[in-house]
C-alpha atoms as a PDB file:
ATOM      1  CA  MET A   1     -29.386   5.237 -23.113  1.00  0.00           C
ATOM      2  CA  GLY A   2     -30.881   2.181 -25.089  1.00  0.00           C
ATOM      3  CA  SER A   3     -33.048  -0.399 -23.963  1.00  0.00           C
ATOM      4  CA  ASN A   4     -29.995  -3.330 -24.368  1.00  0.00           C
ATOM      5  CA  PHE A   5     -27.860  -1.277 -21.756  1.00  0.00           C
ATOM      6  CA  ASP A   6     -27.595  -4.196 -18.903  1.00  0.00           C
ATOM      7  CA  LYS A   7     -27.396  -2.195 -15.017  1.00  0.00           C
ATOM      8  CA  GLY A   8     -25.946  -5.722 -13.892  1.00  0.00           C
ATOM      9  CA  ARG A   9     -23.384  -5.589 -16.614  1.00  0.00           C
ATOM     10  CA  ALA A  10     -22.598  -2.182 -16.315  1.00  0.00           C
ATOM     11  CA  ALA A  11     -22.352  -2.873 -12.042  1.00  0.00           C
ATOM     12  CA  GLU A  12     -19.803  -5.669 -13.136  1.00  0.00           C
ATOM     13  CA  PHE A  13     -17.473  -3.654 -15.167  1.00  0.00           C
ATOM     14  CA  LEU A  14     -17.609  -0.561 -12.921  1.00  0.00           C
ATOM     15  CA  GLU A  15     -16.640  -3.186  -9.933  1.00  0.00           C
ATOM     16  CA  GLU A  16     -13.829  -4.592 -12.434  1.00  0.00           C
ATOM     17  CA  MET A  17     -12.223  -0.881 -13.334  1.00  0.00           C
ATOM     18  CA  ARG A  18     -11.904  -0.716  -9.252  1.00  0.00           C
ATOM     19  CA  VAL A  19      -9.860  -3.540  -8.831  1.00  0.00           C
ATOM     20  CA  ILE A  20      -7.556  -2.738 -11.767  1.00  0.00           C
ATOM     21  CA  LEU A  21      -6.996   0.740 -10.746  1.00  0.00           C
ATOM     22  CA  ASN A  22      -6.502  -0.193  -6.819  1.00  0.00           C
ATOM     23  CA  HIS A  23      -4.058  -2.703  -8.318  1.00  0.00           C
ATOM     24  CA  GLY A  24      -2.729  -0.904 -10.377  1.00  0.00           C
ATOM     25  CA  MET A  25      -2.058   2.155  -7.276  1.00  0.00           C
ATOM     26  CA  ALA A  26      -0.279  -1.016  -5.457  1.00  0.00           C
ATOM     27  CA  ALA A  27       2.142  -1.951  -8.203  1.00  0.00           C
ATOM     28  CA  THR A  28       2.926   2.021  -8.397  1.00  0.00           C
ATOM     29  CA  MET A  29       3.641   2.338  -4.609  1.00  0.00           C
ATOM     30  CA  ILE A  30       5.690  -1.508  -4.611  1.00  0.00           C
ATOM     31  CA  GLY A  31       8.086  -0.072  -7.503  1.00  0.00           C
ATOM     32  CA  ILE A  32       8.592   3.392  -5.395  1.00  0.00           C
ATOM     33  CA  GLY A  33       9.245   1.334  -2.207  1.00  0.00           C
ATOM     34  CA  HIS A  34      11.567  -0.622  -4.010  1.00  0.00           C
ATOM     35  CA  ARG A  35      12.980   2.458  -5.806  1.00  0.00           C
ATOM     36  CA  VAL A  36      13.710   4.230  -2.428  1.00  0.00           C
ATOM     37  CA  GLY A  37      14.823   1.545  -0.369  1.00  0.00           C
ATOM     38  CA  LEU A  38      11.543   0.924   2.016  1.00  0.00           C
ATOM     39  CA  PHE A  39      11.617  -3.270   1.260  1.00  0.00           C
ATOM     40  CA  ASP A  40      15.149  -3.117   2.557  1.00  0.00           C
ATOM     41  CA  ALA A  41      15.005  -0.882   5.312  1.00  0.00           C
ATOM     42  CA  MET A  42      11.936  -3.042   6.632  1.00  0.00           C
ATOM     43  CA  ALA A  43      13.829  -6.118   5.997  1.00  0.00           C
ATOM     44  CA  GLY A  44      17.236  -4.620   8.220  1.00  0.00           C
ATOM     45  CA  LEU A  45      15.102  -4.160  10.782  1.00  0.00           C
ATOM     46  CA  ASP A  46      14.626  -6.870  13.544  1.00  0.00           C
ATOM     47  CA  GLY A  47      11.235  -8.091  11.948  1.00  0.00           C
ATOM     48  CA  ALA A  48       9.616  -7.881  15.301  1.00  0.00           C
ATOM     49  CA  GLY A  49       7.824  -4.703  13.543  1.00  0.00           C
ATOM     50  CA  ALA A  50       8.649  -0.875  13.754  1.00  0.00           C
ATOM     51  CA  PRO A  51       7.116   2.411  13.678  1.00  0.00           C
ATOM     52  CA  SER A  52       7.268   4.605  10.858  1.00  0.00           C
ATOM     53  CA  ALA A  53       9.606   6.833  12.385  1.00  0.00           C
ATOM     54  CA  ASP A  54      11.706   3.511  12.568  1.00  0.00           C
ATOM     55  CA  ILE A  55      11.391   2.621   9.015  1.00  0.00           C
ATOM     56  CA  ALA A  56      11.946   6.540   7.975  1.00  0.00           C
ATOM     57  CA  ALA A  57      15.345   6.923   9.737  1.00  0.00           C
ATOM     58  CA  ALA A  58      16.591   3.360   8.568  1.00  0.00           C
ATOM     59  CA  ALA A  59      15.642   4.053   4.648  1.00  0.00           C
ATOM     60  CA  ASP A  60      16.878   8.330   5.423  1.00  0.00           C
ATOM     61  CA  LEU A  61      13.131   9.418   4.400  1.00  0.00           C
ATOM     62  CA  ASP A  62      10.898  11.709   5.670  1.00  0.00           C
ATOM     63  CA  GLU A  63       8.217  10.324   8.442  1.00  0.00           C
ATOM     64  CA  ARG A  64       5.493  11.593   6.928  1.00  0.00           C
ATOM     65  CA  TYR A  65       5.887  10.224   3.303  1.00  0.00           C
ATOM     66  CA  VAL A  66       7.029   6.814   4.617  1.00  0.00           C
ATOM     67  CA  ARG A  67       4.000   6.707   6.859  1.00  0.00           C
ATOM     68  CA  GLU A  68       1.509   7.442   4.066  1.00  0.00           C
ATOM     69  CA  TRP A  69       3.499   4.516   1.865  1.00  0.00           C
ATOM     70  CA  LEU A  70       3.166   1.916   4.555  1.00  0.00           C
ATOM     71  CA  ASN A  71      -1.049   2.811   5.288  1.00  0.00           C
ATOM     72  CA  THR A  72      -1.175   2.098   1.661  1.00  0.00           C
ATOM     73  CA  MET A  73       0.990  -0.800   2.015  1.00  0.00           C
ATOM     74  CA  THR A  74      -1.047  -1.898   4.426  1.00  0.00           C
ATOM     75  CA  THR A  75      -4.311  -1.207   2.586  1.00  0.00           C
ATOM     76  CA  ALA A  76      -3.124  -3.333  -0.245  1.00  0.00           C
ATOM     77  CA  GLY A  77      -1.792  -6.181   1.896  1.00  0.00           C
ATOM     78  CA  ILE A  78       1.494  -6.175   1.520  1.00  0.00           C
ATOM     79  CA  VAL A  79       2.456  -4.874   5.375  1.00  0.00           C
ATOM     80  CA  THR A  80       0.759  -5.618   8.097  1.00  0.00           C
ATOM     81  CA  TYR A  81       0.090  -3.258  10.901  1.00  0.00           C
ATOM     82  CA  ASP A  82      -0.326  -3.346  14.706  1.00  0.00           C
ATOM     83  CA  GLY A  83      -2.560  -0.863  16.067  1.00  0.00           C
ATOM     84  CA  LYS A  84      -1.744  -1.446  20.097  1.00  0.00           C
ATOM     85  CA  THR A  85       1.920  -1.197  19.365  1.00  0.00           C
ATOM     86  CA  ASP A  86       1.960   1.299  15.929  1.00  0.00           C
ATOM     87  CA  THR A  87       4.193  -0.938  14.201  1.00  0.00           C
ATOM     88  CA  TYR A  88       4.294  -2.108  10.680  1.00  0.00           C
ATOM     89  CA  THR A  89       5.842  -5.477   9.388  1.00  0.00           C
END
């Protein structure tokens, strides 16, 4: 790399790429959740939160994949997880 390489600017670019990729993944998972009915299934529950197995049953989907989706949505700040009750809202 030449003497004009700016490490600070490179670090800023790397951070911006991380944000773009994270938002892109969240958008993809939102689309998946919409297409397979997970948001509708969650809306149809009592609103107090539900375990992943209940959400999966309401959407007629495999619990393991629903749990992975819920964890991704939690990381993105779209779904809330309560570790004390093991429920998602």
